[in-house]
């Protein structure tokens, strides 16, 4: 159940971040409200995921997946660029999270 909560938290964070961009610095009411509600949901559900997932694994997974998908959103939806070095950095972060998930914490 912890990973389901984590997945919901990640989706909430992605929605919140996307609508943060659409809110134009919180000047557009509808995207602003969606962003705030999404972040609220995301932090609530993330706290639920921590009941069964180690903080280090949950936060690293949340950060890496959020970073990767947010980058894809910025490139494909908002038409923002990314350099080869940026792509390499995201791949290294993702590799680090995979290693952390597989070997980084003791089984309790």
Protein backbone atom coordinates (compact mmCIF):
# COMPACT_ATOMS: atom_id res chain seq x y z
CA UNK A 1 0.00 0.00 0.00
CA UNK A 2 2.95 2.31 0.69
CA UNK A 3 4.04 2.34 -2.94
CA UNK A 4 0.49 3.07 -4.08
CA UNK A 5 0.45 6.09 -1.76
CA UNK A 6 3.85 7.10 -3.09
CA UNK A 7 2.62 6.85 -6.69
CA UNK A 8 -0.39 9.04 -5.84
CA UNK A 9 1.93 11.54 -4.14
CA UNK A 10 4.13 11.67 -7.23
CA UNK A 11 1.14 12.25 -9.52
CA UNK A 12 -0.11 14.99 -7.18
CA UNK A 13 3.29 16.65 -7.24
CA UNK A 14 3.44 16.47 -11.04
CA UNK A 15 -0.02 18.02 -11.37
CA UNK A 16 0.87 20.69 -8.81
CA UNK A 17 4.12 21.56 -10.54
CA UNK A 18 2.55 21.66 -14.00
CA UNK A 19 -0.23 23.95 -12.83
CA UNK A 20 2.32 26.06 -10.96
CA UNK A 21 3.75 26.89 -14.38
CA UNK A 22 0.26 27.54 -15.78
CA UNK A 23 -0.59 29.79 -12.81
CA UNK A 24 1.80 32.49 -14.06
CA UNK A 25 3.22 33.28 -10.63
CA UNK A 26 -0.12 32.66 -8.93
CA UNK A 27 -1.84 35.34 -11.02
CA UNK A 28 -4.39 32.99 -12.64
CA UNK A 29 -6.94 31.72 -10.09
CA UNK A 30 -7.91 28.31 -11.51
CA UNK A 31 -4.36 26.98 -12.09
CA UNK A 32 -3.36 28.46 -8.71
CA UNK A 33 -6.12 26.58 -6.88
CA UNK A 34 -5.34 23.33 -8.71
CA UNK A 35 -1.65 23.72 -7.87
CA UNK A 36 -2.24 24.37 -4.17
CA UNK A 37 -4.75 21.53 -3.81
CA UNK A 38 -2.48 19.12 -5.68
CA UNK A 39 0.48 19.94 -3.44
CA UNK A 40 -1.68 19.54 -0.35
CA UNK A 41 -2.86 16.12 -1.51
CA UNK A 42 0.65 15.12 -2.49
CA UNK A 43 2.15 15.88 0.93
CA UNK A 44 -0.72 14.20 2.78
CA UNK A 45 -0.45 11.01 0.72
CA UNK A 46 3.36 11.09 0.89
CA UNK A 47 3.08 11.09 4.69
CA UNK A 48 0.90 7.98 4.44
CA UNK A 49 3.50 6.26 2.26
CA UNK A 50 6.08 6.81 5.00
CA UNK A 51 4.15 4.46 7.29
CA UNK A 52 5.56 1.52 5.34
CA UNK A 53 8.47 2.85 3.23
CA UNK A 54 11.76 4.15 4.60
CA UNK A 55 12.03 7.93 4.29
CA UNK A 56 15.30 7.75 2.34
CA UNK A 57 13.84 5.40 -0.28
CA UNK A 58 10.46 7.17 -0.51
CA UNK A 59 11.93 10.66 -0.83
CA UNK A 60 14.59 9.62 -3.33
CA UNK A 61 12.01 7.80 -5.44
CA UNK A 62 9.58 10.73 -5.26
CA UNK A 63 12.32 13.18 -6.20
CA UNK A 64 13.77 11.16 -9.07
CA UNK A 65 10.46 10.24 -10.67
CA UNK A 66 9.17 13.78 -10.16
CA UNK A 67 12.32 15.29 -11.63
CA UNK A 68 12.34 12.97 -14.63
CA UNK A 69 8.66 13.38 -15.52
CA UNK A 70 8.73 17.13 -14.81
CA UNK A 71 11.63 17.42 -17.23
CA UNK A 72 9.66 15.54 -19.87
CA UNK A 73 6.67 17.81 -19.26
CA UNK A 74 8.85 20.91 -19.57
CA UNK A 75 10.38 19.69 -22.83
CA UNK A 76 7.27 18.30 -24.53
CA UNK A 77 4.46 20.49 -23.18
CA UNK A 78 6.19 23.80 -22.46
CA UNK A 79 8.78 23.44 -25.25
CA UNK A 80 11.70 24.17 -22.90
CA UNK A 81 15.13 22.84 -23.80
CA UNK A 82 17.46 20.42 -22.08
CA UNK A 83 21.15 19.89 -22.73
CA UNK A 84 22.91 16.54 -23.10
CA UNK A 85 24.56 17.21 -19.73
CA UNK A 86 21.10 17.69 -18.22
CA UNK A 87 19.95 14.38 -19.67
CA UNK A 88 23.07 12.65 -18.31
CA UNK A 89 22.45 14.15 -14.86
CA UNK A 90 18.85 12.91 -14.80
CA UNK A 91 20.00 9.43 -15.85
CA UNK A 92 22.58 9.40 -13.04
CA UNK A 93 19.97 10.49 -10.48
CA UNK A 94 17.63 7.76 -11.70
CA UNK A 95 20.40 5.17 -11.50
CA UNK A 96 21.16 6.29 -7.96
CA UNK A 97 17.54 5.89 -6.92
CA UNK A 98 17.38 2.41 -8.43
CA UNK A 99 20.51 1.42 -6.53
CA UNK A 100 19.11 2.95 -3.32
CA UNK A 101 15.85 1.04 -3.74
CA UNK A 102 17.67 -2.24 -4.37
CA UNK A 103 20.57 -2.04 -1.94
CA UNK A 104 20.51 1.15 0.08
CA UNK A 105 18.46 0.29 3.14
CA UNK A 106 18.46 -2.75 5.39
CA UNK A 107 15.42 -5.01 5.35
CA UNK A 108 13.55 -4.70 8.62
